[in-house]
């Protein structure tokens, strides 16, 4: 889904959709690093 589609479905702004995705990526990255699944600190784009 695009941020435009997500914002319509969830009734939030596109900016909020983008912020939520960035926050979720950061949380996932920390969990993967802490559990030894990845070694580097940069998550590539999806």
C-alpha atoms as a PDB file:
ATOM      1  CA  UNK A   1       0.000   0.000   0.000  1.00  0.00           C
ATOM      2  CA  UNK A   2       1.071   3.590  -0.554  1.00  0.00           C
ATOM      3  CA  UNK A   3       1.160   6.184   2.222  1.00  0.00           C
ATOM      4  CA  UNK A   4      -1.786   7.861   0.490  1.00  0.00           C
ATOM      5  CA  UNK A   5      -3.838   4.645   0.645  1.00  0.00           C
ATOM      6  CA  UNK A   6      -2.844   3.946   4.246  1.00  0.00           C
ATOM      7  CA  UNK A   7      -3.720   7.474   5.333  1.00  0.00           C
ATOM      8  CA  UNK A   8      -7.186   7.103   3.806  1.00  0.00           C
ATOM      9  CA  UNK A   9      -7.834   3.706   5.376  1.00  0.00           C
ATOM     10  CA  UNK A  10      -6.584   4.722   8.820  1.00  0.00           C
ATOM     11  CA  UNK A  11      -7.859   8.307   8.655  1.00  0.00           C
ATOM     12  CA  UNK A  12      -4.429   9.774   9.409  1.00  0.00           C
ATOM     13  CA  UNK A  13      -2.210  12.136   7.440  1.00  0.00           C
ATOM     14  CA  UNK A  14       0.378  10.857   4.985  1.00  0.00           C
ATOM     15  CA  UNK A  15       3.051  12.389   7.205  1.00  0.00           C
ATOM     16  CA  UNK A  16       1.815  10.377  10.173  1.00  0.00           C
ATOM     17  CA  UNK A  17       1.882   7.229   8.047  1.00  0.00           C
ATOM     18  CA  UNK A  18       5.493   7.928   7.082  1.00  0.00           C
ATOM     19  CA  UNK A  19       6.462   8.695  10.687  1.00  0.00           C
ATOM     20  CA  UNK A  20       4.837   5.503  11.942  1.00  0.00           C
ATOM     21  CA  UNK A  21       6.700   3.438   9.348  1.00  0.00           C
ATOM     22  CA  UNK A  22      10.025   5.059  10.249  1.00  0.00           C
ATOM     23  CA  UNK A  23       9.383   4.438  13.950  1.00  0.00           C
ATOM     24  CA  UNK A  24       8.434   0.796  13.310  1.00  0.00           C
ATOM     25  CA  UNK A  25      11.581   0.238  11.221  1.00  0.00           C
ATOM     26  CA  UNK A  26      13.728   1.651  14.020  1.00  0.00           C
ATOM     27  CA  UNK A  27      12.067  -0.596  16.609  1.00  0.00           C
ATOM     28  CA  UNK A  28      12.476  -3.655  14.380  1.00  0.00           C
ATOM     29  CA  UNK A  29      16.116  -2.777  13.677  1.00  0.00           C
ATOM     30  CA  UNK A  30      16.886  -2.516  17.410  1.00  0.00           C
ATOM     31  CA  UNK A  31      15.209  -5.854  18.112  1.00  0.00           C
ATOM     32  CA  UNK A  32      17.119  -7.569  15.297  1.00  0.00           C
ATOM     33  CA  UNK A  33      20.443  -6.132  16.485  1.00  0.00           C
ATOM     34  CA  UNK A  34      19.770  -6.985  20.147  1.00  0.00           C
ATOM     35  CA  UNK A  35      18.899 -10.579  19.241  1.00  0.00           C
ATOM     36  CA  UNK A  36      21.928 -11.067  16.991  1.00  0.00           C
ATOM     37  CA  UNK A  37      20.095 -11.323  13.687  1.00  0.00           C
ATOM     38  CA  UNK A  38      21.938  -8.381  12.102  1.00  0.00           C
ATOM     39  CA  UNK A  39      25.289  -6.785  12.835  1.00  0.00           C
ATOM     40  CA  UNK A  40      25.143  -3.451  11.047  1.00  0.00           C
ATOM     41  CA  UNK A  41      23.100  -0.458  12.092  1.00  0.00           C
ATOM     42  CA  UNK A  42      21.470   0.582   8.813  1.00  0.00           C
ATOM     43  CA  UNK A  43      18.215  -0.937   7.598  1.00  0.00           C
ATOM     44  CA  UNK A  44      17.866  -0.866   3.842  1.00  0.00           C
ATOM     45  CA  UNK A  45      14.762   0.426   2.115  1.00  0.00           C
ATOM     46  CA  UNK A  46      11.897  -1.884   1.520  1.00  0.00           C
END
